[in-house]
């Protein structure tokens, strides 16, 4: 499903959300889960479910990445738990690089000129 369709459904839900939209949303989520079931084995699915309970945003991003990989054809067989761990490690590394911040600790210096002018 295209990102634009998902965005349209999300906007419609925010604007009052008719039952038709929520039904489409449920249908989309069901298709998404079916696709994940085709790609993940039982243990990998359980691990992803555990992650989803703790960090739902992260689990959603990992699911998106797995579904994209499946669409492109990078996944040829079901993903095992060990393979999922590898994907999670790669995901964590890229997230850490994106979240890295540079902080400048600038020390203030005393300017004796301020005292002379009674500021």
PDB file of N, CA and C in Angstrom:
ATOM      1  N   UNK A   1       0.849  -1.165   0.000  1.00  0.00           N
ATOM      2  CA  UNK A   1       0.000   0.000   0.000  1.00  0.00           C
ATOM      3  C   UNK A   1       0.897   1.231   0.000  1.00  0.00           C
ATOM      4  N   UNK A   2       0.517   2.207  -0.742  1.00  0.00           N
ATOM      5  CA  UNK A   2       1.323   3.411  -0.894  1.00  0.00           C
ATOM      6  C   UNK A   2       1.229   4.284   0.352  1.00  0.00           C
ATOM      7  N   UNK A   3       2.309   5.021   0.595  1.00  0.00           N
ATOM      8  CA  UNK A   3       2.344   5.913   1.752  1.00  0.00           C
ATOM      9  C   UNK A   3       1.259   6.982   1.655  1.00  0.00           C
ATOM     10  N   UNK A   4       0.958   7.427   0.434  1.00  0.00           N
ATOM     11  CA  UNK A   4      -0.054   8.469   0.274  1.00  0.00           C
ATOM     12  C   UNK A   4      -1.430   7.967   0.724  1.00  0.00           C
ATOM     13  N   UNK A   5      -1.733   6.710   0.471  1.00  0.00           N
ATOM     14  CA  UNK A   5      -3.018   6.162   0.904  1.00  0.00           C
ATOM     15  C   UNK A   5      -3.089   6.100   2.424  1.00  0.00           C
ATOM     16  N   UNK A   6      -1.988   5.720   3.035  1.00  0.00           N
ATOM     17  CA  UNK A   6      -1.944   5.652   4.495  1.00  0.00           C
ATOM     18  C   UNK A   6      -2.116   7.038   5.094  1.00  0.00           C
ATOM     19  N   UNK A   7      -1.430   8.027   4.503  1.00  0.00           N
ATOM     20  CA  UNK A   7      -1.549   9.403   4.998  1.00  0.00           C
ATOM     21  C   UNK A   7      -2.979   9.913   4.852  1.00  0.00           C
ATOM     22  N   UNK A   8      -3.631   9.594   3.738  1.00  0.00           N
ATOM     23  CA  UNK A   8      -5.011  10.029   3.536  1.00  0.00           C
ATOM     24  C   UNK A   8      -5.926   9.418   4.589  1.00  0.00           C
ATOM     25  N   UNK A   9      -5.731   8.158   4.880  1.00  0.00           N
ATOM     26  CA  UNK A   9      -6.555   7.515   5.900  1.00  0.00           C
ATOM     27  C   UNK A   9      -6.304   8.120   7.273  1.00  0.00           C
ATOM     28  N   UNK A  10      -5.053   8.437   7.559  1.00  0.00           N
ATOM     29  CA  UNK A  10      -4.744   9.037   8.848  1.00  0.00           C
ATOM     30  C   UNK A  10      -5.379  10.420   8.972  1.00  0.00           C
ATOM     31  N   UNK A  11      -5.330  11.205   7.893  1.00  0.00           N
ATOM     32  CA  UNK A  11      -5.954  12.537   7.912  1.00  0.00           C
ATOM     33  C   UNK A  11      -7.458  12.422   8.093  1.00  0.00           C
ATOM     34  N   UNK A  12      -8.062  11.503   7.375  1.00  0.00           N
ATOM     35  CA  UNK A  12      -9.512  11.334   7.464  1.00  0.00           C
ATOM     36  C   UNK A  12      -9.910  10.906   8.878  1.00  0.00           C
ATOM     37  N   UNK A  13      -9.095  10.087   9.510  1.00  0.00           N
ATOM     38  CA  UNK A  13      -9.377   9.653  10.866  1.00  0.00           C
ATOM     39  C   UNK A  13      -9.320  10.838  11.831  1.00  0.00           C
ATOM     40  N   UNK A  14      -8.337  11.712  11.642  1.00  0.00           N
ATOM     41  CA  UNK A  14      -8.207  12.885  12.505  1.00  0.00           C
ATOM     42  C   UNK A  14      -9.344  13.873  12.300  1.00  0.00           C
ATOM     43  N   UNK A  15      -9.910  13.914  11.099  1.00  0.00           N
ATOM     44  CA  UNK A  15     -10.927  14.909  10.775  1.00  0.00           C
ATOM     45  C   UNK A  15     -12.332  14.448  11.142  1.00  0.00           C
ATOM     46  N   UNK A  16     -12.476  13.446  11.893  1.00  0.00           N
ATOM     47  CA  UNK A  16     -13.808  13.040  12.288  1.00  0.00           C
ATOM     48  C   UNK A  16     -13.993  11.557  12.168  1.00  0.00           C
ATOM     49  N   UNK A  17     -13.260  10.930  11.325  1.00  0.00           N
ATOM     50  CA  UNK A  17     -13.199   9.476  11.220  1.00  0.00           C
ATOM     51  C   UNK A  17     -14.524   8.783  11.072  1.00  0.00           C
ATOM     52  N   UNK A  18     -14.960   8.587   9.876  1.00  0.00           N
ATOM     53  CA  UNK A  18     -16.185   7.834   9.660  1.00  0.00           C
ATOM     54  C   UNK A  18     -15.910   6.356   9.861  1.00  0.00           C
ATOM     55  N   UNK A  19     -16.965   5.580   9.967  1.00  0.00           N
ATOM     56  CA  UNK A  19     -16.800   4.140  10.164  1.00  0.00           C
ATOM     57  C   UNK A  19     -16.164   3.504   8.929  1.00  0.00           C
ATOM     58  N   UNK A  20     -16.391   4.105   7.762  1.00  0.00           N
ATOM     59  CA  UNK A  20     -15.795   3.586   6.531  1.00  0.00           C
ATOM     60  C   UNK A  20     -14.279   3.683   6.586  1.00  0.00           C
ATOM     61  N   UNK A  21     -13.787   4.789   7.103  1.00  0.00           N
ATOM     62  CA  UNK A  21     -12.341   4.981   7.199  1.00  0.00           C
ATOM     63  C   UNK A  21     -11.750   4.011   8.213  1.00  0.00           C
ATOM     64  N   UNK A  22     -12.384   3.870   9.359  1.00  0.00           N
ATOM     65  CA  UNK A  22     -11.850   2.963  10.370  1.00  0.00           C
ATOM     66  C   UNK A  22     -11.892   1.519   9.876  1.00  0.00           C
ATOM     67  N   UNK A  23     -12.874   1.187   9.069  1.00  0.00           N
ATOM     68  CA  UNK A  23     -12.934  -0.157   8.495  1.00  0.00           C
ATOM     69  C   UNK A  23     -11.784  -0.370   7.516  1.00  0.00           C
ATOM     70  N   UNK A  24     -11.493   0.646   6.696  1.00  0.00           N
ATOM     71  CA  UNK A  24     -10.365   0.551   5.770  1.00  0.00           C
ATOM     72  C   UNK A  24      -9.058   0.435   6.536  1.00  0.00           C
ATOM     73  N   UNK A  25      -8.963   1.185   7.616  1.00  0.00           N
ATOM     74  CA  UNK A  25      -7.762   1.154   8.438  1.00  0.00           C
ATOM     75  C   UNK A  25      -7.556  -0.234   9.042  1.00  0.00           C
ATOM     76  N   UNK A  26      -8.624  -0.826   9.550  1.00  0.00           N
ATOM     77  CA  UNK A  26      -8.533  -2.177  10.107  1.00  0.00           C
ATOM     78  C   UNK A  26      -8.147  -3.176   9.018  1.00  0.00           C
ATOM     79  N   UNK A  27      -8.714  -3.002   7.846  1.00  0.00           N
ATOM     80  CA  UNK A  27      -8.398  -3.892   6.731  1.00  0.00           C
ATOM     81  C   UNK A  27      -6.926  -3.769   6.338  1.00  0.00           C
ATOM     82  N   UNK A  28      -6.425  -2.538   6.296  1.00  0.00           N
ATOM     83  CA  UNK A  28      -5.016  -2.316   5.969  1.00  0.00           C
ATOM     84  C   UNK A  28      -4.109  -2.967   7.011  1.00  0.00           C
ATOM     85  N   UNK A  29      -4.463  -2.823   8.276  1.00  0.00           N
ATOM     86  CA  UNK A  29      -3.661  -3.407   9.349  1.00  0.00           C
ATOM     87  C   UNK A  29      -3.691  -4.934   9.275  1.00  0.00           C
ATOM     88  N   UNK A  30      -4.839  -5.483   8.915  1.00  0.00           N
ATOM     89  CA  UNK A  30      -4.953  -6.937   8.781  1.00  0.00           C
ATOM     90  C   UNK A  30      -4.058  -7.439   7.637  1.00  0.00           C
ATOM     91  N   UNK A  31      -4.056  -6.739   6.514  1.00  0.00           N
ATOM     92  CA  UNK A  31      -3.201  -7.110   5.386  1.00  0.00           C
ATOM     93  C   UNK A  31      -1.735  -7.003   5.788  1.00  0.00           C
ATOM     94  N   UNK A  32      -1.421  -5.973   6.528  1.00  0.00           N
ATOM     95  CA  UNK A  32      -0.048  -5.774   7.001  1.00  0.00           C
ATOM     96  C   UNK A  32       0.392  -6.946   7.875  1.00  0.00           C
ATOM     97  N   UNK A  33      -0.472  -7.353   8.795  1.00  0.00           N
ATOM     98  CA  UNK A  33      -0.148  -8.470   9.685  1.00  0.00           C
ATOM     99  C   UNK A  33      -0.014  -9.778   8.913  1.00  0.00           C
ATOM    100  N   UNK A  34      -0.856  -9.981   7.912  1.00  0.00           N
ATOM    101  CA  UNK A  34      -0.761 -11.185   7.079  1.00  0.00           C
ATOM    102  C   UNK A  34       0.571 -11.217   6.338  1.00  0.00           C
ATOM    103  N   UNK A  35       0.981 -10.065   5.803  1.00  0.00           N
ATOM    104  CA  UNK A  35       2.264 -10.000   5.100  1.00  0.00           C
ATOM    105  C   UNK A  35       3.429 -10.280   6.050  1.00  0.00           C
ATOM    106  N   UNK A  36       3.351  -9.744   7.262  1.00  0.00           N
ATOM    107  CA  UNK A  36       4.401 -10.016   8.247  1.00  0.00           C
ATOM    108  C   UNK A  36       4.422 -11.489   8.627  1.00  0.00           C
ATOM    109  N   UNK A  37       3.241 -12.112   8.732  1.00  0.00           N
ATOM    110  CA  UNK A  37       3.175 -13.536   9.056  1.00  0.00           C
ATOM    111  C   UNK A  37       3.822 -14.387   7.965  1.00  0.00           C
ATOM    112  N   UNK A  38       3.715 -13.945   6.725  1.00  0.00           N
ATOM    113  CA  UNK A  38       4.330 -14.673   5.617  1.00  0.00           C
ATOM    114  C   UNK A  38       5.855 -14.573   5.648  1.00  0.00           C
ATOM    115  N   UNK A  39       6.357 -13.467   6.175  1.00  0.00           N
ATOM    116  CA  UNK A  39       7.791 -13.188   6.118  1.00  0.00           C
ATOM    117  C   UNK A  39       8.522 -13.643   7.382  1.00  0.00           C
ATOM    118  N   UNK A  40       7.860 -13.618   8.540  1.00  0.00           N
ATOM    119  CA  UNK A  40       8.501 -13.939   9.820  1.00  0.00           C
ATOM    120  C   UNK A  40       8.102 -15.326  10.306  1.00  0.00           C
ATOM    121  N   UNK A  41       9.053 -16.051  10.887  1.00  0.00           N
ATOM    122  CA  UNK A  41       8.677 -17.310  11.518  1.00  0.00           C
ATOM    123  C   UNK A  41       8.114 -17.022  12.912  1.00  0.00           C
ATOM    124  N   UNK A  42       7.670 -18.076  13.591  1.00  0.00           N
ATOM    125  CA  UNK A  42       6.953 -17.909  14.860  1.00  0.00           C
ATOM    126  C   UNK A  42       7.799 -17.210  15.927  1.00  0.00           C
ATOM    127  N   UNK A  43       9.050 -17.629  16.086  1.00  0.00           N
ATOM    128  CA  UNK A  43       9.908 -17.037  17.126  1.00  0.00           C
ATOM    129  C   UNK A  43      10.218 -15.568  16.836  1.00  0.00           C
ATOM    130  N   UNK A  44      10.464 -15.252  15.575  1.00  0.00           N
ATOM    131  CA  UNK A  44      10.742 -13.869  15.201  1.00  0.00           C
ATOM    132  C   UNK A  44       9.502 -13.005  15.435  1.00  0.00           C
ATOM    133  N   UNK A  45       8.337 -13.563  15.139  1.00  0.00           N
ATOM    134  CA  UNK A  45       7.077 -12.834  15.352  1.00  0.00           C
ATOM    135  C   UNK A  45       6.876 -12.537  16.832  1.00  0.00           C
ATOM    136  N   UNK A  46       7.205 -13.525  17.689  1.00  0.00           N
ATOM    137  CA  UNK A  46       7.077 -13.317  19.132  1.00  0.00           C
ATOM    138  C   UNK A  46       8.022 -12.229  19.615  1.00  0.00           C
ATOM    139  N   UNK A  47       9.253 -12.255  19.127  1.00  0.00           N
ATOM    140  CA  UNK A  47      10.233 -11.242  19.537  1.00  0.00           C
ATOM    141  C   UNK A  47       9.758  -9.850  19.121  1.00  0.00           C
ATOM    142  N   UNK A  48       9.263  -9.737  17.904  1.00  0.00           N
ATOM    143  CA  UNK A  48       8.772  -8.444  17.431  1.00  0.00           C
ATOM    144  C   UNK A  48       7.556  -7.995  18.240  1.00  0.00           C
ATOM    145  N   UNK A  49       6.724  -8.955  18.647  1.00  0.00           N
ATOM    146  CA  UNK A  49       5.576  -8.630  19.503  1.00  0.00           C
ATOM    147  C   UNK A  49       6.009  -8.110  20.858  1.00  0.00           C
ATOM    148  N   UNK A  50       7.069  -8.689  21.404  1.00  0.00           N
ATOM    149  CA  UNK A  50       7.605  -8.224  22.689  1.00  0.00           C
ATOM    150  C   UNK A  50       8.138  -6.808  22.559  1.00  0.00           C
ATOM    151  N   UNK A  51       8.840  -6.552  21.471  1.00  0.00           N
ATOM    152  CA  UNK A  51       9.357  -5.202  21.237  1.00  0.00           C
ATOM    153  C   UNK A  51       8.201  -4.227  21.085  1.00  0.00           C
ATOM    154  N   UNK A  52       7.140  -4.670  20.430  1.00  0.00           N
ATOM    155  CA  UNK A  52       5.982  -3.806  20.200  1.00  0.00           C
ATOM    156  C   UNK A  52       5.313  -3.382  21.511  1.00  0.00           C
ATOM    157  N   UNK A  53       5.347  -4.277  22.511  1.00  0.00           N
ATOM    158  CA  UNK A  53       4.753  -3.926  23.803  1.00  0.00           C
ATOM    159  C   UNK A  53       5.557  -2.839  24.503  1.00  0.00           C
ATOM    160  N   UNK A  54       6.885  -2.884  24.352  1.00  0.00           N
ATOM    161  CA  UNK A  54       7.756  -1.940  25.057  1.00  0.00           C
ATOM    162  C   UNK A  54       7.929  -0.651  24.263  1.00  0.00           C
ATOM    163  N   UNK A  55       8.224  -0.799  22.962  1.00  0.00           N
ATOM    164  CA  UNK A  55       8.474   0.363  22.111  1.00  0.00           C
ATOM    165  C   UNK A  55       7.683   0.220  20.810  1.00  0.00           C
ATOM    166  N   UNK A  56       6.410   0.611  20.821  1.00  0.00           N
ATOM    167  CA  UNK A  56       5.578   0.412  19.629  1.00  0.00           C
ATOM    168  C   UNK A  56       6.073   1.174  18.397  1.00  0.00           C
ATOM    169  N   UNK A  57       6.656   2.367  18.596  1.00  0.00           N
ATOM    170  CA  UNK A  57       7.141   3.138  17.447  1.00  0.00           C
ATOM    171  C   UNK A  57       8.308   2.423  16.772  1.00  0.00           C
ATOM    172  N   UNK A  58       9.201   1.905  17.584  1.00  0.00           N
ATOM    173  CA  UNK A  58      10.362   1.198  17.049  1.00  0.00           C
ATOM    174  C   UNK A  58       9.917  -0.071  16.324  1.00  0.00           C
ATOM    175  N   UNK A  59       8.993  -0.807  16.908  1.00  0.00           N
ATOM    176  CA  UNK A  59       8.500  -2.032  16.279  1.00  0.00           C
ATOM    177  C   UNK A  59       7.847  -1.717  14.940  1.00  0.00           C
ATOM    178  N   UNK A  60       7.114  -0.618  14.889  1.00  0.00           N
ATOM    179  CA  UNK A  60       6.456  -0.226  13.633  1.00  0.00           C
ATOM    180  C   UNK A  60       7.492   0.082  12.550  1.00  0.00           C
ATOM    181  N   UNK A  61       8.562   0.778  12.934  1.00  0.00           N
ATOM    182  CA  UNK A  61       9.613   1.102  11.968  1.00  0.00           C
ATOM    183  C   UNK A  61      10.318  -0.155  11.482  1.00  0.00           C
ATOM    184  N   UNK A  62      10.563  -1.101  12.386  1.00  0.00           N
ATOM    185  CA  UNK A  62      11.212  -2.350  12.000  1.00  0.00           C
ATOM    186  C   UNK A  62      10.290  -3.148  11.079  1.00  0.00           C
ATOM    187  N   UNK A  63       9.007  -3.183  11.405  1.00  0.00           N
ATOM    188  CA  UNK A  63       8.038  -3.869  10.544  1.00  0.00           C
ATOM    189  C   UNK A  63       8.023  -3.241   9.151  1.00  0.00           C
ATOM    190  N   UNK A  64       8.032  -1.913   9.103  1.00  0.00           N
ATOM    191  CA  UNK A  64       8.053  -1.220   7.812  1.00  0.00           C
ATOM    192  C   UNK A  64       9.283  -1.613   7.007  1.00  0.00           C
ATOM    193  N   UNK A  65      10.429  -1.657   7.687  1.00  0.00           N
ATOM    194  CA  UNK A  65      11.669  -2.016   7.006  1.00  0.00           C
ATOM    195  C   UNK A  65      11.603  -3.450   6.480  1.00  0.00           C
ATOM    196  N   UNK A  66      11.071  -4.359   7.278  1.00  0.00           N
ATOM    197  CA  UNK A  66      10.960  -5.759   6.855  1.00  0.00           C
ATOM    198  C   UNK A  66      10.013  -5.882   5.666  1.00  0.00           C
ATOM    199  N   UNK A  67       8.894  -5.176   5.709  1.00  0.00           N
ATOM    200  CA  UNK A  67       7.944  -5.230   4.592  1.00  0.00           C
ATOM    201  C   UNK A  67       8.553  -4.638   3.326  1.00  0.00           C
ATOM    202  N   UNK A  68       9.325  -3.556   3.464  1.00  0.00           N
ATOM    203  CA  UNK A  68      10.005  -2.980   2.298  1.00  0.00           C
ATOM    204  C   UNK A  68      10.998  -3.969   1.711  1.00  0.00           C
ATOM    205  N   UNK A  69      11.753  -4.636   2.588  1.00  0.00           N
ATOM    206  CA  UNK A  69      12.710  -5.633   2.129  1.00  0.00           C
ATOM    207  C   UNK A  69      12.001  -6.763   1.382  1.00  0.00           C
ATOM    208  N   UNK A  70      10.843  -7.158   1.874  1.00  0.00           N
ATOM    209  CA  UNK A  70      10.082  -8.225   1.219  1.00  0.00           C
ATOM    210  C   UNK A  70       9.563  -7.762  -0.142  1.00  0.00           C
ATOM    211  N   UNK A  71       9.114  -6.523  -0.242  1.00  0.00           N
ATOM    212  CA  UNK A  71       8.607  -5.994  -1.508  1.00  0.00           C
ATOM    213  C   UNK A  71       9.693  -5.920  -2.568  1.00  0.00           C
ATOM    214  N   UNK A  72      10.901  -5.556  -2.135  1.00  0.00           N
ATOM    215  CA  UNK A  72      12.015  -5.406  -3.067  1.00  0.00           C
ATOM    216  C   UNK A  72      12.570  -6.770  -3.468  1.00  0.00           C
ATOM    217  N   UNK A  73      12.309  -7.788  -2.671  1.00  0.00           N
ATOM    218  CA  UNK A  73      12.793  -9.120  -2.989  1.00  0.00           C
ATOM    219  C   UNK A  73      14.063  -9.493  -2.263  1.00  0.00           C
ATOM    220  N   UNK A  74      14.417  -8.757  -1.234  1.00  0.00           N
ATOM    221  CA  UNK A  74      15.611  -9.059  -0.462  1.00  0.00           C
ATOM    222  C   UNK A  74      15.401 -10.254   0.462  1.00  0.00           C
ATOM    223  N   UNK A  75      14.147 -10.572   0.742  1.00  0.00           N
ATOM    224  CA  UNK A  75      13.828 -11.682   1.634  1.00  0.00           C
ATOM    225  C   UNK A  75      13.305 -12.834   0.778  1.00  0.00           C
ATOM    226  N   UNK A  76      13.993 -13.962   0.853  1.00  0.00           N
ATOM    227  CA  UNK A  76      13.613 -15.113   0.036  1.00  0.00           C
ATOM    228  C   UNK A  76      12.932 -16.208   0.857  1.00  0.00           C
ATOM    229  N   UNK A  77      13.214 -16.270   2.143  1.00  0.00           N
ATOM    230  CA  UNK A  77      12.578 -17.254   3.012  1.00  0.00           C
ATOM    231  C   UNK A  77      12.142 -16.545   4.291  1.00  0.00           C
ATOM    232  N   UNK A  78      11.478 -17.286   5.156  1.00  0.00           N
ATOM    233  CA  UNK A  78      11.021 -16.670   6.400  1.00  0.00           C
ATOM    234  C   UNK A  78      12.204 -16.238   7.258  1.00  0.00           C
ATOM    235  N   UNK A  79      12.047 -15.092   7.884  1.00  0.00           N
ATOM    236  CA  UNK A  79      13.087 -14.545   8.753  1.00  0.00           C
ATOM    237  C   UNK A  79      13.031 -15.271  10.086  1.00  0.00           C
ATOM    238  N   UNK A  80      14.173 -15.790  10.521  1.00  0.00           N
ATOM    239  CA  UNK A  80      14.258 -16.462  11.818  1.00  0.00           C
ATOM    240  C   UNK A  80      14.514 -15.423  12.905  1.00  0.00           C
ATOM    241  N   UNK A  81      14.484 -15.894  14.134  1.00  0.00           N
ATOM    242  CA  UNK A  81      14.730 -14.983  15.262  1.00  0.00           C
ATOM    243  C   UNK A  81      16.150 -14.425  15.208  1.00  0.00           C
ATOM    244  N   UNK A  82      17.110 -15.266  14.829  1.00  0.00           N
ATOM    245  CA  UNK A  82      18.500 -14.817  14.738  1.00  0.00           C
ATOM    246  C   UNK A  82      18.660 -13.754  13.653  1.00  0.00           C
ATOM    247  N   UNK A  83      17.998 -13.948  12.528  1.00  0.00           N
ATOM    248  CA  UNK A  83      18.068 -12.954  11.458  1.00  0.00           C
ATOM    249  C   UNK A  83      17.400 -11.652  11.896  1.00  0.00           C
ATOM    250  N   UNK A  84      16.308 -11.773  12.645  1.00  0.00           N
ATOM    251  CA  UNK A  84      15.628 -10.581  13.160  1.00  0.00           C
ATOM    252  C   UNK A  84      16.540  -9.831  14.125  1.00  0.00           C
ATOM    253  N   UNK A  85      17.291 -10.558  14.940  1.00  0.00           N
ATOM    254  CA  UNK A  85      18.244  -9.907  15.849  1.00  0.00           C
ATOM    255  C   UNK A  85      19.265  -9.101  15.049  1.00  0.00           C
ATOM    256  N   UNK A  86      19.737  -9.675  13.926  1.00  0.00           N
ATOM    257  CA  UNK A  86      20.680  -8.959  13.075  1.00  0.00           C
ATOM    258  C   UNK A  86      20.072  -7.697  12.492  1.00  0.00           C
ATOM    259  N   UNK A  87      18.822  -7.797  12.054  1.00  0.00           N
ATOM    260  CA  UNK A  87      18.119  -6.626  11.511  1.00  0.00           C
ATOM    261  C   UNK A  87      17.963  -5.564  12.596  1.00  0.00           C
ATOM    262  N   UNK A  88      17.621  -6.008  13.807  1.00  0.00           N
ATOM    263  CA  UNK A  88      17.470  -5.065  14.927  1.00  0.00           C
ATOM    264  C   UNK A  88      18.798  -4.392  15.272  1.00  0.00           C
ATOM    265  N   UNK A  89      19.889  -5.161  15.226  1.00  0.00           N
ATOM    266  CA  UNK A  89      21.204  -4.568  15.488  1.00  0.00           C
ATOM    267  C   UNK A  89      21.531  -3.495  14.460  1.00  0.00           C
ATOM    268  N   UNK A  90      21.285  -3.802  13.193  1.00  0.00           N
ATOM    269  CA  UNK A  90      21.527  -2.813  12.135  1.00  0.00           C
ATOM    270  C   UNK A  90      20.651  -1.589  12.338  1.00  0.00           C
ATOM    271  N   UNK A  91      19.404  -1.823  12.698  1.00  0.00           N
ATOM    272  CA  UNK A  91      18.464  -0.729  12.925  1.00  0.00           C
ATOM    273  C   UNK A  91      18.925   0.138  14.085  1.00  0.00           C
ATOM    274  N   UNK A  92      19.394  -0.497  15.163  1.00  0.00           N
ATOM    275  CA  UNK A  92      19.870   0.251  16.331  1.00  0.00           C
ATOM    276  C   UNK A  92      21.098   1.086  15.993  1.00  0.00           C
ATOM    277  N   UNK A  93      21.991   0.535  15.171  1.00  0.00           N
ATOM    278  CA  UNK A  93      23.185   1.282  14.779  1.00  0.00           C
ATOM    279  C   UNK A  93      22.819   2.523  13.972  1.00  0.00           C
ATOM    280  N   UNK A  94      21.905   2.386  13.038  1.00  0.00           N
ATOM    281  CA  UNK A  94      21.516   3.545  12.231  1.00  0.00           C
ATOM    282  C   UNK A  94      20.767   4.559  13.077  1.00  0.00           C
ATOM    283  N   UNK A  95      19.954   4.096  14.009  1.00  0.00           N
ATOM    284  CA  UNK A  95      19.236   5.012  14.898  1.00  0.00           C
ATOM    285  C   UNK A  95      20.212   5.761  15.788  1.00  0.00           C
ATOM    286  N   UNK A  96      21.238   5.067  16.281  1.00  0.00           N
ATOM    287  CA  UNK A  96      22.216   5.716  17.155  1.00  0.00           C
ATOM    288  C   UNK A  96      22.959   6.808  16.393  1.00  0.00           C
ATOM    289  N   UNK A  97      23.278   6.546  15.132  1.00  0.00           N
ATOM    290  CA  UNK A  97      23.959   7.553  14.329  1.00  0.00           C
ATOM    291  C   UNK A  97      23.052   8.755  14.083  1.00  0.00           C
ATOM    292  N   UNK A  98      21.771   8.500  13.861  1.00  0.00           N
ATOM    293  CA  UNK A  98      20.840   9.598  13.611  1.00  0.00           C
ATOM    294  C   UNK A  98      20.566  10.401  14.866  1.00  0.00           C
ATOM    295  N   UNK A  99      20.563   9.734  16.009  1.00  0.00           N
ATOM    296  CA  UNK A  99      20.257  10.405  17.269  1.00  0.00           C
ATOM    297  C   UNK A  99      21.467  11.089  17.886  1.00  0.00           C
ATOM    298  N   UNK A 100      22.641  10.861  17.307  1.00  0.00           N
ATOM    299  CA  UNK A 100      23.849  11.439  17.863  1.00  0.00           C
ATOM    300  C   UNK A 100      23.785  12.965  17.775  1.00  0.00           C
ATOM    301  N   UNK A 101      24.097  13.603  18.870  1.00  0.00           N
ATOM    302  CA  UNK A 101      24.088  15.052  18.917  1.00  0.00           C
ATOM    303  C   UNK A 101      25.460  15.540  19.344  1.00  0.00           C
ATOM    304  N   UNK A 102      25.846  16.640  18.804  1.00  0.00           N
ATOM    305  CA  UNK A 102      27.099  17.262  19.193  1.00  0.00           C
ATOM    306  C   UNK A 102      26.761  18.407  20.131  1.00  0.00           C
ATOM    307  N   UNK A 103      27.360  18.371  21.287  1.00  0.00           N
ATOM    308  CA  UNK A 103      27.099  19.396  22.288  1.00  0.00           C
ATOM    309  C   UNK A 103      28.387  20.182  22.501  1.00  0.00           C
ATOM    310  N   UNK A 104      28.279  21.470  22.383  1.00  0.00           N
ATOM    311  CA  UNK A 104      29.425  22.342  22.615  1.00  0.00           C
ATOM    312  C   UNK A 104      29.321  22.897  24.026  1.00  0.00           C
ATOM    313  N   UNK A 105      30.311  22.621  24.807  1.00  0.00           N
ATOM    314  CA  UNK A 105      30.368  23.172  26.157  1.00  0.00           C
ATOM    315  C   UNK A 105      31.300  24.375  26.118  1.00  0.00           C
ATOM    316  N   UNK A 106      30.701  25.509  26.056  1.00  0.00           N
ATOM    317  CA  UNK A 106      31.504  26.723  25.993  1.00  0.00           C
ATOM    318  C   UNK A 106      31.594  27.323  27.377  1.00  0.00           C
ATOM    319  N   UNK A 107      32.779  27.527  27.763  1.00  0.00           N
ATOM    320  CA  UNK A 107      32.980  28.113  29.082  1.00  0.00           C
ATOM    321  C   UNK A 107      32.893  29.618  28.954  1.00  0.00           C
ATOM    322  N   UNK A 108      32.129  30.176  29.833  1.00  0.00           N
ATOM    323  CA  UNK A 108      32.034  31.633  29.852  1.00  0.00           C
ATOM    324  C   UNK A 108      33.320  32.209  30.405  1.00  0.00           C
ATOM    325  N   UNK A 109      33.692  33.304  29.886  1.00  0.00           N
ATOM    326  CA  UNK A 109      34.904  33.932  30.393  1.00  0.00           C
ATOM    327  C   UNK A 109      34.499  35.223  31.073  1.00  0.00           C
ATOM    328  N   UNK A 110      35.248  35.554  32.051  1.00  0.00           N
ATOM    329  CA  UNK A 110      34.961  36.776  32.781  1.00  0.00           C
ATOM    330  C   UNK A 110      35.600  37.936  32.059  1.00  0.00           C
ATOM    331  N   UNK A 111      34.795  38.892  31.837  1.00  0.00           N
ATOM    332  CA  UNK A 111      35.295  40.085  31.164  1.00  0.00           C
ATOM    333  C   UNK A 111      35.349  41.189  32.206  1.00  0.00           C
ATOM    334  N   UNK A 112      36.506  41.589  32.567  1.00  0.00           N
ATOM    335  CA  UNK A 112      36.669  42.600  33.604  1.00  0.00           C
ATOM    336  C   UNK A 112      36.221  43.974  33.125  1.00  0.00           C
ATOM    337  N   UNK A 113      36.040  44.148  31.815  1.00  0.00           N
ATOM    338  CA  UNK A 113      35.604  45.440  31.288  1.00  0.00           C
ATOM    339  C   UNK A 113      34.184  45.772  31.722  1.00  0.00           C
ATOM    340  N   UNK A 114      33.330  44.729  31.920  1.00  0.00           N
ATOM    341  CA  UNK A 114      31.941  44.970  32.326  1.00  0.00           C
ATOM    342  C   UNK A 114      31.867  45.643  33.682  1.00  0.00           C
ATOM    343  N   UNK A 115      32.761  45.290  34.559  1.00  0.00           N
ATOM    344  CA  UNK A 115      32.733  45.840  35.902  1.00  0.00           C
ATOM    345  C   UNK A 115      33.119  47.308  35.900  1.00  0.00           C
ATOM    346  N   UNK A 116      33.934  47.705  34.999  1.00  0.00           N
ATOM    347  CA  UNK A 116      34.399  49.092  34.959  1.00  0.00           C
ATOM    348  C   UNK A 116      33.290  50.055  34.528  1.00  0.00           C
ATOM    349  N   UNK A 117      32.354  49.569  33.734  1.00  0.00           N
ATOM    350  CA  UNK A 117      31.314  50.457  33.203  1.00  0.00           C
ATOM    351  C   UNK A 117      30.004  50.353  33.965  1.00  0.00           C
ATOM    352  N   UNK A 118      29.948  49.610  35.045  1.00  0.00           N
ATOM    353  CA  UNK A 118      28.759  49.461  35.872  1.00  0.00           C
ATOM    354  C   UNK A 118      27.549  49.020  35.048  1.00  0.00           C
ATOM    355  N   UNK A 119      27.704  47.983  34.343  1.00  0.00           N
ATOM    356  CA  UNK A 119      26.580  47.474  33.538  1.00  0.00           C
ATOM    357  C   UNK A 119      25.714  46.631  34.338  1.00  0.00           C
TER     358      UNK A 119
END
